[in-house]
Amino acid sequence: MPYRFVLALMFVAATALAQGRGRNAPPAGPPHDPHDLSGIWLGRAAGALNNPAPSFTPAGKAAFDANKPSFGPRAVPPAFGNDPLGGANPPGIPRALISHATKIQFIPLSGKVIQLIEWNRIWREIWTDGRKFPEDPDLAWYGYSVGKWEGDQFVIDTAGLDPRAWADEEGLPKSESARVQERYHRLDRDNLELTIIVTDPKLFTKPVTGKFMFRLQPNTPTGNFIEDIFAPIDEETFNKRVRNPAGGVKETK
């Protein structure tokens, strides 16, 4: 068989194969819209706001030293810790977003966005109608939040936070004057970056920051929310069995 004829047959076969692959290839997905935060996003249990390390005022250092966490490099045995979560108290903001491998979802409504957080079945109202903070907001576990778009970042500012909730699992304190800013930036179709900035002149000489990643979940049962509730009745049992080694529950036979 002539050499040129063999080459021609190989070219035709390769072209047909490529066309077949094109017909069988999955259709291209919709273009990425950085202003579209729909879907369910899973974050990692990152733990701490320490990039860079916090710079404390004297009052901040005293408050930090008084907190005895059961996680991270400052961890003490659970029975000797004073983590507010030990009593099944709410984690607050920003801890609810970073100290547990949790899922989040944004639901835009007229004048506000509802943020759902899987851990503890949390929901937040984030006002987007241009309103300002109340002059003297009532303190609450999740504070008072307003949001807006700045370029490709959805920015949430929160004030009026209850200082009894730690800012992270390593015992970072916050006072009633703390402001927490969340900056959500959809980097591509599957990855959402969250930058957290905590400003609290009473406790820190400069803002405390951290960056955290969330990944878009598949539209399947395993990608949906589950009931991840930290109930006091469950925490009571946990305290007896694990947190207090001397007070373990004896199983009956």
Protein backbone atom coordinates (compact mmCIF):
# COMPACT_ATOMS: atom_id res chain seq x y z
CA MET A 1 0.00 0.00 0.00
CA PRO A 2 1.52 3.38 -0.96
CA TYR A 3 2.90 5.40 1.92
CA ARG A 4 0.87 8.54 1.06
CA PHE A 5 -2.36 6.53 1.01
CA VAL A 6 -1.64 5.17 4.52
CA LEU A 7 -1.08 8.70 5.83
CA ALA A 8 -4.36 9.84 4.26
CA LEU A 9 -6.27 7.00 5.94
CA MET A 10 -4.71 7.85 9.32
CA PHE A 11 -5.69 11.51 8.93
CA VAL A 12 -9.30 10.64 8.07
CA ALA A 13 -9.56 8.26 11.03
CA ALA A 14 -8.12 10.81 13.46
CA THR A 15 -10.51 13.50 12.21
CA ALA A 16 -13.52 11.20 12.59
CA LEU A 17 -12.43 10.24 16.13
CA ALA A 18 -12.04 13.87 17.15
CA GLN A 19 -15.46 14.75 15.77
CA GLY A 20 -16.99 11.80 17.63
CA ARG A 21 -15.43 12.93 20.87
CA GLY A 22 -16.81 16.40 20.30
CA ARG A 23 -20.32 15.06 19.83
CA ASN A 24 -20.08 12.94 23.00
CA ALA A 25 -18.38 15.56 25.19
CA PRO A 26 -20.51 17.05 27.99
CA PRO A 27 -21.93 20.48 27.23
CA ALA A 28 -20.00 23.44 28.56
CA GLY A 29 -21.33 24.82 31.85
CA PRO A 30 -22.66 28.36 32.25
CA PRO A 31 -20.06 31.12 32.39
CA HIS A 32 -18.73 31.99 35.83
CA ASP A 33 -20.43 35.02 37.38
CA PRO A 34 -18.43 36.43 40.34
CA HIS A 35 -21.61 38.07 41.69
CA ASP A 36 -23.45 34.74 41.84
CA LEU A 37 -23.01 33.12 45.27
CA SER A 38 -25.83 30.61 44.83
CA GLY A 39 -25.34 26.98 45.77
CA ILE A 40 -24.02 25.35 48.94
CA TRP A 41 -20.39 25.96 49.91
CA LEU A 42 -18.35 23.74 52.23
CA GLY A 43 -15.61 25.30 54.33
CA ARG A 44 -12.76 23.61 56.15
CA ALA A 45 -12.29 23.62 59.91
CA ALA A 46 -9.58 26.26 59.84
CA GLY A 47 -9.73 27.15 63.51
CA ALA A 48 -7.99 30.46 64.14
CA LEU A 49 -7.59 34.08 63.09
CA ASN A 50 -3.81 34.24 63.23
CA ASN A 51 -2.47 35.36 59.86
CA PRO A 52 -0.59 37.39 60.96
CA ALA A 53 -0.54 36.73 64.70
CA PRO A 54 -2.78 39.07 66.73
CA SER A 55 -1.25 42.18 68.26
CA PHE A 56 -2.90 42.75 71.66
CA THR A 57 -3.47 45.75 73.87
CA PRO A 58 -2.80 45.03 77.58
CA ALA A 59 -6.53 44.41 78.08
CA GLY A 60 -6.58 42.12 75.06
CA LYS A 61 -3.60 40.11 76.27
CA ALA A 62 -5.23 39.65 79.68
CA ALA A 63 -8.49 38.49 78.09
CA PHE A 64 -6.65 36.13 75.75
CA ASP A 65 -4.64 34.59 78.60
CA ALA A 66 -7.83 34.08 80.64
CA ASN A 67 -9.40 31.98 77.89
CA LYS A 68 -8.51 28.28 78.16
CA PRO A 69 -9.37 26.54 74.88
CA SER A 70 -9.49 22.82 74.23
CA PHE A 71 -8.20 23.21 70.66
CA GLY A 72 -5.05 24.50 69.00
CA PRO A 73 -1.57 25.13 70.37
CA ARG A 74 -2.94 26.65 73.61
CA ALA A 75 -5.18 23.65 74.33
CA VAL A 76 -5.71 22.42 77.87
CA PRO A 77 -7.47 19.19 78.90
CA PRO A 78 -11.20 19.67 78.23
CA ALA A 79 -12.10 19.32 81.90
CA PHE A 80 -9.97 22.40 82.68
CA GLY A 81 -11.06 24.56 79.72
CA ASN A 82 -13.57 27.42 79.79
CA ASP A 83 -14.65 27.41 76.15
CA PRO A 84 -18.24 28.80 75.94
CA LEU A 85 -19.04 25.94 73.58
CA GLY A 86 -18.53 23.62 76.54
CA GLY A 87 -22.02 24.63 77.64
CA ALA A 88 -23.42 24.34 74.12
CA ASN A 89 -23.55 28.14 73.77
CA PRO A 90 -23.77 29.67 70.28
CA PRO A 91 -20.40 30.03 68.51
CA GLY A 92 -21.20 33.55 67.29
CA ILE A 93 -19.51 35.40 64.44
CA PRO A 94 -16.92 34.84 63.08
CA ARG A 95 -16.32 31.53 64.86
CA ALA A 96 -19.39 29.86 63.34
CA LEU A 97 -17.79 30.24 59.90
CA ILE A 98 -14.29 28.94 60.58
CA SER A 99 -14.06 26.61 63.59
CA HIS A 100 -16.08 23.74 62.14
CA ALA A 101 -16.18 22.09 58.72
CA THR A 102 -19.53 23.65 57.88
CA LYS A 103 -21.61 24.52 54.84
CA ILE A 104 -23.04 27.95 54.07
CA GLN A 105 -25.65 29.23 51.65
CA PHE A 106 -26.78 32.70 50.57
CA ILE A 107 -30.44 33.42 49.78
CA PRO A 108 -30.96 36.91 48.27
CA LEU A 109 -34.27 38.62 49.07
CA SER A 110 -35.57 42.12 48.59
CA GLY A 111 -33.45 44.41 50.75
CA LYS A 112 -31.55 41.65 52.52
CA VAL A 113 -29.63 38.41 52.14
CA ILE A 114 -30.25 35.41 54.37
CA GLN A 115 -27.13 33.40 55.15
CA LEU A 116 -27.64 29.83 56.31
CA ILE A 117 -24.89 28.04 58.25
CA GLU A 118 -25.12 24.28 58.68
CA TRP A 119 -23.30 24.15 62.03
CA ASN A 120 -25.93 24.74 64.75
CA ARG A 121 -28.60 25.47 62.09
CA ILE A 122 -27.75 29.18 62.10
CA TRP A 123 -29.49 31.80 59.97
CA ARG A 124 -28.48 35.45 59.67
CA GLU A 125 -30.17 38.54 58.22
CA ILE A 126 -27.74 40.71 56.23
CA TRP A 127 -29.37 43.99 55.27
CA THR A 128 -28.54 45.20 51.74
CA ASP A 129 -30.97 48.14 51.46
CA GLY A 130 -28.35 50.76 52.32
CA ARG A 131 -29.24 51.19 55.98
CA LYS A 132 -26.62 52.12 58.57
CA PHE A 133 -25.83 50.43 61.85
CA PRO A 134 -28.01 51.41 64.82
CA GLU A 135 -26.18 53.91 67.00
CA ASP A 136 -26.37 51.59 70.00
CA PRO A 137 -27.24 48.08 68.75
CA ASP A 138 -28.40 45.47 71.23
CA LEU A 139 -25.71 42.86 71.76
CA ALA A 140 -26.46 39.50 70.17
CA TRP A 141 -24.61 36.27 69.47
CA TYR A 142 -24.62 37.00 65.72
CA GLY A 143 -24.80 40.77 65.90
CA TYR A 144 -26.34 43.18 63.41
CA SER A 145 -25.13 42.86 59.82
CA VAL A 146 -25.24 45.01 56.69
CA GLY A 147 -23.89 43.98 53.30
CA LYS A 148 -22.98 45.41 49.90
CA TRP A 149 -21.00 44.57 46.77
CA GLU A 150 -17.58 46.17 46.33
CA GLY A 151 -16.47 45.14 42.86
CA ASP A 152 -16.46 41.33 42.82
CA GLN A 153 -16.57 40.99 46.62
CA PHE A 154 -19.67 40.70 48.78
CA VAL A 155 -18.80 42.58 51.96
CA ILE A 156 -20.62 42.02 55.26
CA ASP A 157 -20.01 44.29 58.26
CA THR A 158 -21.27 43.16 61.66
CA ALA A 159 -21.49 45.06 64.97
CA GLY A 160 -23.29 44.55 68.27
CA LEU A 161 -21.66 41.18 68.94
CA ASP A 162 -21.97 39.49 72.32
CA PRO A 163 -18.43 39.47 73.78
CA ARG A 164 -19.02 36.18 75.60
CA ALA A 165 -18.53 34.27 72.32
CA TRP A 166 -14.90 33.77 71.32
CA ALA A 167 -13.80 34.91 67.88
CA ASP A 168 -12.13 31.56 67.15
CA GLU A 169 -11.53 28.16 68.74
CA GLU A 170 -8.14 29.18 70.16
CA GLY A 171 -9.72 31.66 72.57
CA LEU A 172 -9.34 34.93 70.65
CA PRO A 173 -11.50 37.39 72.62
CA LYS A 174 -13.68 40.20 71.40
CA SER A 175 -15.29 43.09 73.24
CA GLU A 176 -18.69 44.75 72.79
CA SER A 177 -16.93 47.27 70.50
CA ALA A 178 -15.75 44.66 68.00
CA ARG A 179 -16.56 44.98 64.30
CA VAL A 180 -16.30 41.93 62.07
CA GLN A 181 -16.00 42.26 58.30
CA GLU A 182 -16.46 39.30 55.95
CA ARG A 183 -15.33 39.63 52.32
CA TYR A 184 -16.59 36.84 50.04
CA HIS A 185 -14.83 36.55 46.66
CA ARG A 186 -15.81 33.85 44.18
CA LEU A 187 -12.46 33.02 42.61
CA ASP A 188 -13.88 30.63 39.99
CA ARG A 189 -16.84 28.30 39.54
CA ASP A 190 -15.95 26.02 42.46
CA ASN A 191 -13.95 28.13 44.95
CA LEU A 192 -15.09 30.89 47.28
CA GLU A 193 -12.55 32.83 49.34
CA LEU A 194 -13.54 34.41 52.64
CA THR A 195 -11.40 37.11 54.23
CA ILE A 196 -12.29 37.96 57.84
CA ILE A 197 -11.17 41.21 59.47
CA VAL A 198 -11.85 41.82 63.18
CA THR A 199 -11.38 45.39 64.39
CA ASP A 200 -11.50 45.93 68.15
CA PRO A 201 -9.45 48.87 69.51
CA LYS A 202 -10.07 47.77 73.10
CA LEU A 203 -8.30 44.45 72.58
CA PHE A 204 -6.10 44.73 69.45
CA THR A 205 -3.62 47.36 68.32
CA LYS A 206 -4.45 46.53 64.69
CA PRO A 207 -7.11 44.46 62.92
CA VAL A 208 -6.95 40.67 63.20
CA THR A 209 -7.33 38.85 59.89
CA GLY A 210 -7.55 35.43 58.29
CA LYS A 211 -8.34 33.88 54.90
CA PHE A 212 -10.49 30.76 54.47
CA MET A 213 -11.69 28.70 51.52
CA PHE A 214 -15.10 27.22 50.68
CA ARG A 215 -15.83 24.83 47.82
CA LEU A 216 -19.06 24.51 45.84
CA GLN A 217 -20.90 21.27 46.65
CA PRO A 218 -22.57 18.95 44.15
CA ASN A 219 -26.33 19.04 43.81
CA THR A 220 -26.73 15.66 45.52
CA PRO A 221 -28.01 14.51 48.94
CA THR A 222 -24.46 14.51 50.30
CA GLY A 223 -24.03 18.09 49.12
CA ASN A 224 -27.07 19.33 51.02
CA PHE A 225 -27.31 20.53 54.62
CA ILE A 226 -27.62 18.05 57.45
CA GLU A 227 -28.99 18.65 60.95
CA ASP A 228 -25.74 19.58 62.70
CA ILE A 229 -27.10 20.84 66.02
CA PHE A 230 -24.97 21.20 69.14
CA ALA A 231 -27.70 20.48 71.71
CA PRO A 232 -27.20 21.04 75.47
CA ILE A 233 -28.50 17.57 76.25
CA ASP A 234 -25.83 16.04 73.99
CA GLU A 235 -23.14 18.29 75.42
CA GLU A 236 -24.07 17.19 78.96
CA THR A 237 -23.45 13.57 78.03
CA PHE A 238 -20.23 14.51 76.25
CA ASN A 239 -19.00 16.40 79.32
CA LYS A 240 -19.54 13.37 81.53
CA ARG A 241 -17.86 10.92 79.19
CA VAL A 242 -15.03 12.93 77.71
CA ARG A 243 -14.53 16.42 79.10
CA ASN A 244 -14.35 15.29 82.72
CA PRO A 245 -12.26 12.11 82.84
CA ALA A 246 -13.05 11.67 86.53
CA GLY A 247 -16.80 11.81 85.97
CA GLY A 248 -17.28 9.29 83.19
CA VAL A 249 -20.59 7.59 82.72
CA LYS A 250 -20.56 3.91 83.58
CA GLU A 251 -22.49 1.86 81.09
CA THR A 252 -24.96 -0.61 82.55
CA LYS A 253 -25.22 -4.12 81.20
